[in-house]
């Protein structure tokens, strides 16, 4: 159990999975978010919309007071590219992702088994480094070294 930056307590099944992700998914499908929420979370729809908007996951003309009351202008809300990436519905946009995709393509086309294994090890090392140091730092390094 831990607390988010907004003071919400996160449990084993996070509030993200139970509430916010469902709201984001509903908006991306053009559905009413309150229809996908569990009954015990319907009253928190305004909070979810506010958090999603603050994190630049959704956009649309909506007043905070309207969101807090739970009145949702569903047809006016749009999921941003960042939100779609989070749902896995939009391509990634980092140098690391482009490099990994290029490596995957190279690996799948490599006929020489030792070379293919070396590429696989290199790709895994890249993933390990990105996980350890953070994708942003690695992306800046790759971009700088590639002259992008």
C-alpha atoms as a PDB file:
ATOM      1  CA  UNK A   1       0.000   0.000   0.000  1.00  0.00           C
ATOM      2  CA  UNK A   2       1.335   3.488  -0.899  1.00  0.00           C
ATOM      3  CA  UNK A   3       0.107   7.018  -1.476  1.00  0.00           C
ATOM      4  CA  UNK A   4       0.033   8.809  -4.833  1.00  0.00           C
ATOM      5  CA  UNK A   5       1.047  12.414  -5.376  1.00  0.00           C
ATOM      6  CA  UNK A   6      -2.648  13.286  -5.092  1.00  0.00           C
ATOM      7  CA  UNK A   7      -2.995  11.594  -1.700  1.00  0.00           C
ATOM      8  CA  UNK A   8      -4.847   8.524  -2.948  1.00  0.00           C
ATOM      9  CA  UNK A   9      -3.973   5.211  -1.340  1.00  0.00           C
ATOM     10  CA  UNK A  10      -2.903   2.536  -3.808  1.00  0.00           C
ATOM     11  CA  UNK A  11      -3.715  -1.074  -2.978  1.00  0.00           C
ATOM     12  CA  UNK A  12      -2.732  -4.338  -4.587  1.00  0.00           C
ATOM     13  CA  UNK A  13      -5.222  -3.782  -7.434  1.00  0.00           C
ATOM     14  CA  UNK A  14      -4.411  -0.165  -8.090  1.00  0.00           C
ATOM     15  CA  UNK A  15      -6.889   2.638  -8.488  1.00  0.00           C
ATOM     16  CA  UNK A  16      -5.293   3.081 -11.917  1.00  0.00           C
ATOM     17  CA  UNK A  17      -6.460  -0.375 -13.022  1.00  0.00           C
ATOM     18  CA  UNK A  18      -9.880  -0.256 -11.347  1.00  0.00           C
ATOM     19  CA  UNK A  19     -10.841   3.323 -12.156  1.00  0.00           C
ATOM     20  CA  UNK A  20      -8.560   5.577 -14.182  1.00  0.00           C
ATOM     21  CA  UNK A  21      -7.556   3.090 -16.878  1.00  0.00           C
ATOM     22  CA  UNK A  22     -11.225   2.143 -17.349  1.00  0.00           C
ATOM     23  CA  UNK A  23     -12.184   5.801 -17.740  1.00  0.00           C
ATOM     24  CA  UNK A  24      -9.359   6.409 -20.219  1.00  0.00           C
ATOM     25  CA  UNK A  25     -10.322   3.287 -22.179  1.00  0.00           C
ATOM     26  CA  UNK A  26     -13.991   4.319 -22.306  1.00  0.00           C
ATOM     27  CA  UNK A  27     -13.103   7.781 -23.600  1.00  0.00           C
ATOM     28  CA  UNK A  28     -10.835   6.278 -26.261  1.00  0.00           C
ATOM     29  CA  UNK A  29     -13.777   4.133 -27.453  1.00  0.00           C
ATOM     30  CA  UNK A  30     -16.230   7.048 -27.363  1.00  0.00           C
ATOM     31  CA  UNK A  31     -18.224   5.424 -24.556  1.00  0.00           C
ATOM     32  CA  UNK A  32     -19.611   6.825 -21.327  1.00  0.00           C
ATOM     33  CA  UNK A  33     -16.880   6.235 -18.710  1.00  0.00           C
ATOM     34  CA  UNK A  34     -19.385   5.748 -15.892  1.00  0.00           C
ATOM     35  CA  UNK A  35     -20.714   2.627 -17.643  1.00  0.00           C
ATOM     36  CA  UNK A  36     -17.366   0.813 -17.282  1.00  0.00           C
ATOM     37  CA  UNK A  37     -16.670   1.725 -13.664  1.00  0.00           C
ATOM     38  CA  UNK A  38     -17.421  -0.581 -10.763  1.00  0.00           C
ATOM     39  CA  UNK A  39     -20.367   0.711  -8.706  1.00  0.00           C
ATOM     40  CA  UNK A  40     -18.164   1.669  -5.750  1.00  0.00           C
ATOM     41  CA  UNK A  41     -16.070   3.981  -7.962  1.00  0.00           C
ATOM     42  CA  UNK A  42     -18.756   5.776 -10.004  1.00  0.00           C
ATOM     43  CA  UNK A  43     -18.805   8.684  -7.539  1.00  0.00           C
ATOM     44  CA  UNK A  44     -15.060   9.196  -8.167  1.00  0.00           C
ATOM     45  CA  UNK A  45     -15.453   9.804 -11.897  1.00  0.00           C
ATOM     46  CA  UNK A  46     -14.757  13.530 -11.531  1.00  0.00           C
ATOM     47  CA  UNK A  47     -11.543  12.839  -9.613  1.00  0.00           C
ATOM     48  CA  UNK A  48     -10.436  10.402 -12.284  1.00  0.00           C
ATOM     49  CA  UNK A  49     -11.120  12.889 -15.092  1.00  0.00           C
ATOM     50  CA  UNK A  50      -9.218  15.588 -13.235  1.00  0.00           C
ATOM     51  CA  UNK A  51      -6.185  13.337 -12.717  1.00  0.00           C
ATOM     52  CA  UNK A  52      -6.228  12.160 -16.344  1.00  0.00           C
ATOM     53  CA  UNK A  53      -6.405  15.782 -17.544  1.00  0.00           C
ATOM     54  CA  UNK A  54      -3.620  16.903 -15.174  1.00  0.00           C
ATOM     55  CA  UNK A  55      -1.379  14.121 -16.488  1.00  0.00           C
ATOM     56  CA  UNK A  56      -2.157  15.173 -20.093  1.00  0.00           C
ATOM     57  CA  UNK A  57      -3.870  11.876 -20.902  1.00  0.00           C
ATOM     58  CA  UNK A  58      -7.166  13.493 -21.955  1.00  0.00           C
ATOM     59  CA  UNK A  59      -8.223  16.859 -23.371  1.00  0.00           C
ATOM     60  CA  UNK A  60     -11.484  18.626 -23.873  1.00  0.00           C
ATOM     61  CA  UNK A  61     -13.572  21.549 -22.730  1.00  0.00           C
ATOM     62  CA  UNK A  62     -14.446  20.617 -19.183  1.00  0.00           C
ATOM     63  CA  UNK A  63     -14.684  22.674 -16.038  1.00  0.00           C
ATOM     64  CA  UNK A  64     -13.323  21.249 -12.796  1.00  0.00           C
ATOM     65  CA  UNK A  65     -16.626  21.959 -11.036  1.00  0.00           C
ATOM     66  CA  UNK A  66     -18.487  19.952 -13.688  1.00  0.00           C
ATOM     67  CA  UNK A  67     -16.050  17.041 -13.362  1.00  0.00           C
ATOM     68  CA  UNK A  68     -16.281  16.987  -9.578  1.00  0.00           C
ATOM     69  CA  UNK A  69     -20.095  16.736  -9.750  1.00  0.00           C
ATOM     70  CA  UNK A  70     -19.678  13.797 -12.104  1.00  0.00           C
ATOM     71  CA  UNK A  71     -21.394  15.315 -15.141  1.00  0.00           C
ATOM     72  CA  UNK A  72     -19.268  14.093 -18.016  1.00  0.00           C
ATOM     73  CA  UNK A  73     -19.316  15.818 -21.414  1.00  0.00           C
ATOM     74  CA  UNK A  74     -18.304  12.494 -22.989  1.00  0.00           C
ATOM     75  CA  UNK A  75     -18.496  13.524 -26.597  1.00  0.00           C
ATOM     76  CA  UNK A  76     -16.136  16.418 -25.967  1.00  0.00           C
ATOM     77  CA  UNK A  77     -13.314  14.452 -24.331  1.00  0.00           C
ATOM     78  CA  UNK A  78     -10.390  13.143 -26.377  1.00  0.00           C
ATOM     79  CA  UNK A  79      -7.517  10.864 -25.411  1.00  0.00           C
ATOM     80  CA  UNK A  80      -4.098  12.399 -26.154  1.00  0.00           C
ATOM     81  CA  UNK A  81      -1.274  10.551 -27.898  1.00  0.00           C
ATOM     82  CA  UNK A  82       0.296  10.058 -24.457  1.00  0.00           C
ATOM     83  CA  UNK A  83      -2.925   8.445 -23.225  1.00  0.00           C
ATOM     84  CA  UNK A  84      -3.186   6.231 -26.293  1.00  0.00           C
ATOM     85  CA  UNK A  85       0.429   5.103 -25.796  1.00  0.00           C
ATOM     86  CA  UNK A  86      -0.419   4.170 -22.224  1.00  0.00           C
ATOM     87  CA  UNK A  87      -3.297   2.033 -23.522  1.00  0.00           C
ATOM     88  CA  UNK A  88      -1.014   0.451 -26.132  1.00  0.00           C
ATOM     89  CA  UNK A  89      -3.026   1.979 -28.980  1.00  0.00           C
ATOM     90  CA  UNK A  90      -0.425   4.418 -30.318  1.00  0.00           C
ATOM     91  CA  UNK A  91       3.197   3.875 -31.361  1.00  0.00           C
ATOM     92  CA  UNK A  92       5.965   4.796 -28.980  1.00  0.00           C
ATOM     93  CA  UNK A  93       7.879   7.936 -29.767  1.00  0.00           C
ATOM     94  CA  UNK A  94      11.368   7.585 -28.329  1.00  0.00           C
ATOM     95  CA  UNK A  95      14.739   6.947 -29.872  1.00  0.00           C
ATOM     96  CA  UNK A  96      15.077   3.831 -27.714  1.00  0.00           C
ATOM     97  CA  UNK A  97      11.884   2.362 -29.170  1.00  0.00           C
ATOM     98  CA  UNK A  98      13.090   3.081 -32.692  1.00  0.00           C
ATOM     99  CA  UNK A  99      16.461   1.478 -31.937  1.00  0.00           C
ATOM    100  CA  UNK A 100      14.827  -1.625 -30.440  1.00  0.00           C
ATOM    101  CA  UNK A 101      12.502  -1.929 -33.430  1.00  0.00           C
ATOM    102  CA  UNK A 102      15.491  -1.692 -35.785  1.00  0.00           C
ATOM    103  CA  UNK A 103      17.337  -4.337 -33.757  1.00  0.00           C
ATOM    104  CA  UNK A 104      14.266  -6.623 -33.838  1.00  0.00           C
ATOM    105  CA  UNK A 105      14.147  -6.291 -37.604  1.00  0.00           C
ATOM    106  CA  UNK A 106      17.883  -6.990 -37.903  1.00  0.00           C
ATOM    107  CA  UNK A 107      17.606 -10.028 -35.600  1.00  0.00           C
ATOM    108  CA  UNK A 108      14.701 -11.525 -37.533  1.00  0.00           C
ATOM    109  CA  UNK A 109      16.560 -11.140 -40.822  1.00  0.00           C
ATOM    110  CA  UNK A 110      19.957 -12.409 -39.640  1.00  0.00           C
ATOM    111  CA  UNK A 111      20.788 -15.847 -41.067  1.00  0.00           C
ATOM    112  CA  UNK A 112      24.121 -16.292 -39.256  1.00  0.00           C
ATOM    113  CA  UNK A 113      23.263 -17.936 -35.903  1.00  0.00           C
ATOM    114  CA  UNK A 114      26.250 -16.575 -33.855  1.00  0.00           C
ATOM    115  CA  UNK A 115      25.642 -13.056 -35.185  1.00  0.00           C
ATOM    116  CA  UNK A 116      21.900 -13.343 -34.454  1.00  0.00           C
ATOM    117  CA  UNK A 117      22.677 -14.491 -30.888  1.00  0.00           C
ATOM    118  CA  UNK A 118      25.050 -11.548 -30.440  1.00  0.00           C
ATOM    119  CA  UNK A 119      22.329  -9.160 -31.629  1.00  0.00           C
ATOM    120  CA  UNK A 120      19.842 -10.739 -29.215  1.00  0.00           C
ATOM    121  CA  UNK A 121      22.326 -10.302 -26.327  1.00  0.00           C
ATOM    122  CA  UNK A 122      22.969  -6.704 -27.392  1.00  0.00           C
ATOM    123  CA  UNK A 123      19.224  -5.998 -27.528  1.00  0.00           C
ATOM    124  CA  UNK A 124      18.732  -7.506 -24.061  1.00  0.00           C
ATOM    125  CA  UNK A 125      21.605  -5.384 -22.728  1.00  0.00           C
ATOM    126  CA  UNK A 126      19.923  -2.302 -24.209  1.00  0.00           C
ATOM    127  CA  UNK A 127      16.655  -3.174 -22.456  1.00  0.00           C
ATOM    128  CA  UNK A 128      18.498  -3.789 -19.172  1.00  0.00           C
ATOM    129  CA  UNK A 129      20.310  -0.458 -19.404  1.00  0.00           C
ATOM    130  CA  UNK A 130      17.106   1.372 -20.301  1.00  0.00           C
ATOM    131  CA  UNK A 131      15.351  -0.211 -17.354  1.00  0.00           C
ATOM    132  CA  UNK A 132      18.176   0.610 -14.966  1.00  0.00           C
ATOM    133  CA  UNK A 133      19.031   4.129 -16.077  1.00  0.00           C
ATOM    134  CA  UNK A 134      15.705   5.216 -17.467  1.00  0.00           C
ATOM    135  CA  UNK A 135      14.563   5.341 -21.051  1.00  0.00           C
ATOM    136  CA  UNK A 136      14.830   9.112 -21.262  1.00  0.00           C
ATOM    137  CA  UNK A 137      18.537   9.213 -20.436  1.00  0.00           C
ATOM    138  CA  UNK A 138      19.299   6.432 -22.883  1.00  0.00           C
ATOM    139  CA  UNK A 139      17.179   8.052 -25.603  1.00  0.00           C
ATOM    140  CA  UNK A 140      19.107  11.309 -25.222  1.00  0.00           C
ATOM    141  CA  UNK A 141      22.404   9.430 -25.454  1.00  0.00           C
ATOM    142  CA  UNK A 142      21.356   7.451 -28.522  1.00  0.00           C
ATOM    143  CA  UNK A 143      20.003  10.581 -30.227  1.00  0.00           C
ATOM    144  CA  UNK A 144      23.174  12.552 -29.489  1.00  0.00           C
ATOM    145  CA  UNK A 145      25.481   9.763 -30.712  1.00  0.00           C
ATOM    146  CA  UNK A 146      23.369   9.165 -33.814  1.00  0.00           C
ATOM    147  CA  UNK A 147      23.429  12.859 -34.663  1.00  0.00           C
ATOM    148  CA  UNK A 148      19.628  13.089 -34.551  1.00  0.00           C
END
